[in-house]
Amino acid sequence: MDIPILFLQRNHQEHVKYSLQQATVSNPSSRVILLGTADCDTLCEGGVEHFLISNYTESASPFEAIYQHKSTNPYIYTLFNFQRWFILKDFMKQHKLSQCCVLDSDVLLYTSIDSPRFHSFSMEFSWTSFCSLDRLDSFCSYVMKQFQDPTLYSRTVYYAERLGHGLVSDMVLCDLFHLDHPNLPKCFGLFSDCFFDHNVNCPLPSYLFQVEQLDGKKKVYLQSNQLYCKKVGSGDFIRICSLHFQGLAKPYMKHFVSPGFSAVSSPSYFDYQTSRWIPCSL
């Protein structure tokens, strides 16, 4: 059986249903699971399973006691971003899951996650990750130590400040986890013919190849029900495995759910100003 796809969500938000729907369409043989609150139940349709977060907080509760808040984001929001890894670990243990793909609720998935070549893409992005239970155990233990040890916490704060924003988040701890475990594979979600998006609002880091931008976002092309970006310079197309609609990009998600692509002329590109797919030549 394909590995399960998990989402964690602490409140009801409409955009979540698009992520759940897209996961079921792109991976029809996988379990799609939402760990959420009671009011999230109405988001779960088409075979999506719903479990209550409150039943899997055994490991997350001790972390709350040592958590130190250093973020401009709300306390409860940032705390949950850390606690979700402990919740996920407890869920996987109770349900005897050895591996999963975990996605943020603003990520749309367009590829089969059962391909083994993707499974080493782990804990680089806090919003898109393939996780073994062993890796989660290691990461949760690592996070606990960073907050328990004053020297390690000071180092974490310093590292966050070096990144330019000074916000201590689970994203920062993912970076440090890889830094302190140099043997872990690292690919920034890029594979030879496709990629998992880090943020639709942002270009790729300057040391990597670049893809076309449109209105400050990645320019996305549609061809034969598959999404692509075009590399700057070579003009080569690279297939999109996922798109991360971070922040203010969430309203675009409803236009990127693949069941609706059948009504779109192919080839096309997405125009963010009009929220329409525009026919084009490739």
Protein backbone atom coordinates (compact mmCIF):
# COMPACT_ATOMS: atom_id res chain seq x y z
CA MET A 1 0.00 0.00 0.00
CA ASP A 2 1.18 3.56 -0.73
CA ILE A 3 2.44 5.59 2.21
CA PRO A 4 -0.21 7.82 3.81
CA ILE A 5 -0.46 11.59 3.31
CA LEU A 6 -1.07 13.56 6.49
CA PHE A 7 -2.17 17.12 7.19
CA LEU A 8 -2.39 18.80 10.60
CA GLN A 9 -4.81 21.69 11.08
CA ARG A 10 -5.91 23.30 14.34
CA ASN A 11 -8.95 25.18 12.99
CA HIS A 12 -11.46 25.19 10.14
CA GLN A 13 -10.22 27.10 7.08
CA GLU A 14 -11.76 26.80 3.62
CA HIS A 15 -8.48 26.45 1.72
CA VAL A 16 -7.74 23.17 3.51
CA LYS A 17 -10.36 21.32 1.45
CA TYR A 18 -8.41 22.06 -1.72
CA SER A 19 -5.24 20.49 -0.34
CA LEU A 20 -7.15 17.42 0.81
CA GLN A 21 -8.97 17.09 -2.52
CA GLN A 22 -5.76 17.46 -4.53
CA ALA A 23 -3.97 14.84 -2.42
CA THR A 24 -6.74 12.30 -3.04
CA VAL A 25 -6.75 13.00 -6.79
CA SER A 26 -2.97 12.79 -7.22
CA ASN A 27 -2.61 9.73 -4.99
CA PRO A 28 -5.82 7.69 -5.22
CA SER A 29 -4.23 4.62 -3.58
CA SER A 30 -2.94 6.51 -0.53
CA ARG A 31 -4.71 7.17 2.73
CA VAL A 32 -5.25 10.91 3.10
CA ILE A 33 -5.55 11.85 6.76
CA LEU A 34 -6.38 15.13 8.48
CA LEU A 35 -5.37 15.50 12.10
CA GLY A 36 -7.54 18.38 13.24
CA THR A 37 -10.09 19.78 15.64
CA ALA A 38 -13.73 18.73 15.72
CA ASP A 39 -14.81 21.58 13.44
CA CYS A 40 -12.45 20.31 10.70
CA ASP A 41 -14.61 17.25 10.13
CA THR A 42 -16.71 18.96 7.43
CA LEU A 43 -13.54 19.49 5.36
CA CYS A 44 -13.05 15.75 4.98
CA GLU A 45 -14.80 14.39 1.90
CA GLY A 46 -14.10 11.71 -0.69
CA GLY A 47 -12.56 9.21 1.71
CA VAL A 48 -10.36 11.65 3.66
CA GLU A 49 -9.94 10.34 7.21
CA HIS A 50 -10.27 12.66 10.19
CA PHE A 51 -8.67 12.17 13.60
CA LEU A 52 -8.69 14.55 16.57
CA ILE A 53 -5.41 16.21 17.48
CA SER A 54 -6.42 16.11 21.13
CA ASN A 55 -5.99 12.32 21.19
CA TYR A 56 -2.29 12.51 20.27
CA THR A 57 -0.75 15.14 22.56
CA GLU A 58 1.19 12.94 24.99
CA SER A 59 4.57 14.10 23.62
CA ALA A 60 3.44 17.61 22.69
CA SER A 61 2.40 18.60 26.22
CA PRO A 62 5.88 18.35 27.79
CA PHE A 63 7.27 20.47 24.97
CA GLU A 64 4.84 23.29 25.80
CA ALA A 65 6.35 23.51 29.28
CA ILE A 66 9.83 24.31 27.89
CA TYR A 67 8.85 26.31 24.80
CA GLN A 68 10.27 29.84 24.63
CA HIS A 69 8.45 32.21 22.30
CA LYS A 70 10.57 34.38 20.02
CA SER A 71 8.45 35.28 17.03
CA THR A 72 6.26 38.08 15.75
CA ASN A 73 3.68 35.42 14.93
CA PRO A 74 1.12 34.64 17.67
CA TYR A 75 2.24 32.40 20.52
CA ILE A 76 -0.33 29.65 19.92
CA TYR A 77 0.39 29.60 16.17
CA THR A 78 4.14 29.15 16.58
CA LEU A 79 3.79 26.72 19.47
CA PHE A 80 1.52 24.50 17.39
CA ASN A 81 3.99 24.55 14.49
CA PHE A 82 6.46 22.89 16.84
CA GLN A 83 3.98 20.65 18.61
CA ARG A 84 2.61 19.19 15.38
CA TRP A 85 5.80 17.12 14.95
CA PHE A 86 5.27 15.55 18.37
CA ILE A 87 1.57 15.00 17.57
CA LEU A 88 2.49 13.39 14.26
CA LYS A 89 5.03 11.14 15.98
CA ASP A 90 2.45 9.96 18.53
CA PHE A 91 -0.14 9.39 15.80
CA MET A 92 2.26 7.30 13.74
CA LYS A 93 3.24 5.23 16.77
CA GLN A 94 -0.35 4.56 17.80
CA HIS A 95 -1.40 3.64 14.27
CA LYS A 96 1.77 1.66 13.51
CA LEU A 97 2.80 3.81 10.55
CA SER A 98 6.49 3.56 9.69
CA GLN A 99 6.49 6.35 7.09
CA CYS A 100 4.32 9.17 5.79
CA CYS A 101 4.28 12.28 3.65
CA VAL A 102 3.26 15.31 5.70
CA LEU A 103 2.05 18.51 4.04
CA ASP A 104 0.95 21.90 5.25
CA SER A 105 -2.66 22.74 4.50
CA ASP A 106 -1.63 25.33 1.89
CA VAL A 107 0.30 22.80 -0.24
CA LEU A 108 -1.22 21.24 -3.37
CA LEU A 109 0.31 17.90 -4.41
CA TYR A 110 0.59 16.82 -8.06
CA THR A 111 2.76 13.70 -8.00
CA SER A 112 2.69 10.15 -6.65
CA ILE A 113 4.43 10.15 -3.29
CA ASP A 114 5.03 6.40 -3.48
CA SER A 115 8.11 6.89 -5.69
CA PRO A 116 11.11 5.83 -3.53
CA ARG A 117 13.34 8.51 -5.02
CA PHE A 118 11.38 11.16 -3.12
CA HIS A 119 11.55 9.53 0.29
CA SER A 120 14.96 10.92 1.22
CA PHE A 121 13.51 14.45 0.92
CA SER A 122 12.95 14.70 4.65
CA MET A 123 12.78 17.54 7.20
CA GLU A 124 14.20 20.15 4.82
CA PHE A 125 10.86 21.94 4.37
CA SER A 126 8.56 22.07 7.38
CA TRP A 127 5.62 22.34 4.94
CA THR A 128 6.49 19.34 2.73
CA SER A 129 8.37 16.34 4.07
CA PHE A 130 8.67 12.59 3.82
CA CYS A 131 9.04 11.30 7.37
CA SER A 132 9.97 7.94 8.77
CA LEU A 133 9.04 7.32 12.38
CA ASP A 134 12.73 7.02 13.26
CA ARG A 135 13.46 10.39 11.66
CA LEU A 136 10.57 11.99 13.55
CA ASP A 137 11.82 10.53 16.83
CA SER A 138 15.25 12.02 16.15
CA PHE A 139 13.87 15.40 15.15
CA CYS A 140 11.56 15.69 18.17
CA SER A 141 14.40 14.77 20.54
CA TYR A 142 16.58 17.34 18.79
CA VAL A 143 13.95 20.08 19.18
CA MET A 144 13.52 19.31 22.88
CA LYS A 145 17.27 19.64 23.46
CA GLN A 146 17.43 23.01 21.67
CA PHE A 147 14.89 24.47 24.10
CA GLN A 148 16.10 22.69 27.23
CA ASP A 149 19.75 23.72 26.93
CA PRO A 150 20.32 27.50 27.28
CA THR A 151 23.49 27.35 25.19
CA LEU A 152 21.77 25.49 22.37
CA TYR A 153 18.78 27.84 22.51
CA SER A 154 21.09 30.87 22.27
CA ARG A 155 22.69 29.30 19.23
CA THR A 156 19.24 28.76 17.69
CA VAL A 157 18.33 32.41 18.22
CA TYR A 158 21.66 33.51 16.73
CA TYR A 159 21.12 31.27 13.71
CA ALA A 160 17.62 32.68 13.18
CA GLU A 161 19.02 36.21 13.36
CA ARG A 162 21.66 35.33 10.75
CA LEU A 163 18.84 34.28 8.43
CA GLY A 164 17.67 37.89 8.60
CA HIS A 165 14.39 37.67 10.50
CA GLY A 166 15.23 36.42 13.99
CA LEU A 167 12.07 34.31 14.25
CA VAL A 168 12.58 31.00 16.03
CA SER A 169 10.33 28.60 14.16
CA ASP A 170 10.20 24.94 13.24
CA MET A 171 11.59 25.96 9.84
CA VAL A 172 14.74 27.23 11.57
CA LEU A 173 15.01 23.99 13.56
CA CYS A 174 14.71 21.98 10.33
CA ASP A 175 17.66 23.94 8.94
CA LEU A 176 19.71 23.36 12.09
CA PHE A 177 18.75 19.70 12.21
CA HIS A 178 20.27 19.21 8.77
CA LEU A 179 23.27 21.35 9.65
CA ASP A 180 23.97 19.18 12.69
CA HIS A 181 23.34 15.96 10.75
CA PRO A 182 25.46 16.47 7.63
CA ASN A 183 24.98 12.88 6.48
CA LEU A 184 21.28 13.49 5.84
CA PRO A 185 20.49 13.90 2.12
CA LYS A 186 19.61 17.43 1.09
CA CYS A 187 18.10 18.45 -2.24
CA PHE A 188 15.89 21.53 -1.64
CA GLY A 189 13.01 19.59 -3.18
CA LEU A 190 14.72 19.48 -6.59
CA PHE A 191 14.97 16.33 -8.67
CA SER A 192 16.25 15.76 -12.19
CA ASP A 193 12.92 16.38 -13.92
CA CYS A 194 10.64 17.83 -11.25
CA PHE A 195 10.49 19.79 -7.99
CA PHE A 196 8.53 20.29 -4.77
CA ASP A 197 7.89 24.02 -4.40
CA HIS A 198 9.24 25.86 -1.38
CA ASN A 199 7.04 28.96 -1.86
CA VAL A 200 5.08 30.06 -4.93
CA ASN A 201 5.76 33.69 -3.91
CA CYS A 202 9.54 33.31 -4.09
CA PRO A 203 12.21 32.50 -6.67
CA LEU A 204 14.57 29.64 -6.00
CA PRO A 205 17.74 30.50 -4.06
CA SER A 206 20.30 32.38 -6.14
CA TYR A 207 22.77 29.46 -6.14
CA LEU A 208 20.23 27.27 -7.99
CA PHE A 209 18.72 27.58 -11.46
CA GLN A 210 15.89 30.10 -11.77
CA VAL A 211 12.37 29.71 -13.16
CA GLU A 212 10.24 32.37 -14.82
CA GLN A 213 8.37 34.76 -12.52
CA LEU A 214 5.06 36.53 -13.06
CA ASP A 215 3.76 39.30 -10.77
CA GLY A 216 6.24 38.29 -8.07
CA LYS A 217 5.30 34.61 -8.16
CA LYS A 218 6.40 31.53 -10.05
CA LYS A 219 4.93 31.48 -13.54
CA VAL A 220 3.00 28.22 -13.85
CA TYR A 221 2.19 26.52 -17.15
CA LEU A 222 -0.45 23.86 -17.79
CA GLN A 223 0.07 21.23 -20.48
CA SER A 224 -1.95 17.99 -20.74
CA ASN A 225 -3.23 18.25 -17.14
CA GLN A 226 0.31 18.63 -15.77
CA LEU A 227 1.85 21.77 -14.28
CA TYR A 228 5.32 23.06 -15.18
CA CYS A 229 7.68 25.95 -14.63
CA LYS A 230 10.11 27.15 -17.27
CA LYS A 231 13.82 27.52 -16.50
CA VAL A 232 15.33 30.92 -17.19
CA GLY A 233 18.03 30.76 -19.86
CA SER A 234 17.55 27.25 -21.19
CA GLY A 235 13.78 27.50 -21.61
CA ASP A 236 13.47 23.90 -20.43
CA PHE A 237 10.30 22.94 -18.59
CA ILE A 238 10.43 21.26 -15.19
CA ARG A 239 7.44 19.39 -13.82
CA ILE A 240 5.80 20.62 -10.62
CA CYS A 241 5.36 18.02 -7.85
CA SER A 242 3.73 20.46 -5.44
CA LEU A 243 2.95 24.14 -5.01
CA HIS A 244 3.12 25.93 -1.66
CA PHE A 245 0.59 28.78 -1.54
CA GLN A 246 2.10 30.49 1.47
CA GLY A 247 0.47 33.53 3.08
CA LEU A 248 -1.53 35.78 0.79
CA ALA A 249 -1.32 33.26 -2.09
CA LYS A 250 -3.95 30.96 -0.53
CA PRO A 251 -6.90 32.45 -2.52
CA TYR A 252 -5.32 31.13 -5.72
CA MET A 253 -5.51 27.51 -4.55
CA LYS A 254 -9.02 26.89 -5.88
CA HIS A 255 -7.76 27.59 -9.40
CA PHE A 256 -4.98 24.99 -9.11
CA VAL A 257 -7.00 21.91 -8.13
CA SER A 258 -6.41 19.50 -10.97
CA PRO A 259 -9.98 18.18 -11.51
CA GLY A 260 -10.78 21.62 -12.93
CA PHE A 261 -7.95 21.50 -15.48
CA SER A 262 -10.09 19.51 -17.92
CA ALA A 263 -12.02 22.70 -18.64
CA VAL A 264 -8.84 24.70 -19.33
CA SER A 265 -7.37 25.07 -22.80
CA SER A 266 -3.97 23.42 -23.10
CA PRO A 267 -1.34 24.79 -23.15
CA SER A 268 -1.98 27.74 -20.81
CA TYR A 269 -0.34 29.79 -18.10
CA PHE A 270 -1.93 31.18 -14.95
CA ASP A 271 -2.44 34.95 -14.79
CA TYR A 272 -2.45 36.04 -11.15
CA GLN A 273 -3.99 39.46 -11.80
CA THR A 274 -7.14 38.03 -13.38
CA SER A 275 -7.03 34.60 -11.67
CA ARG A 276 -7.49 32.94 -15.05
CA TRP A 277 -5.70 30.34 -17.13
CA ILE A 278 -4.60 32.06 -20.36
CA PRO A 279 -4.03 30.01 -23.55
CA CYS A 280 -0.47 30.27 -24.86
CA SER A 281 2.04 28.58 -27.13
CA LEU A 282 4.97 26.73 -25.61
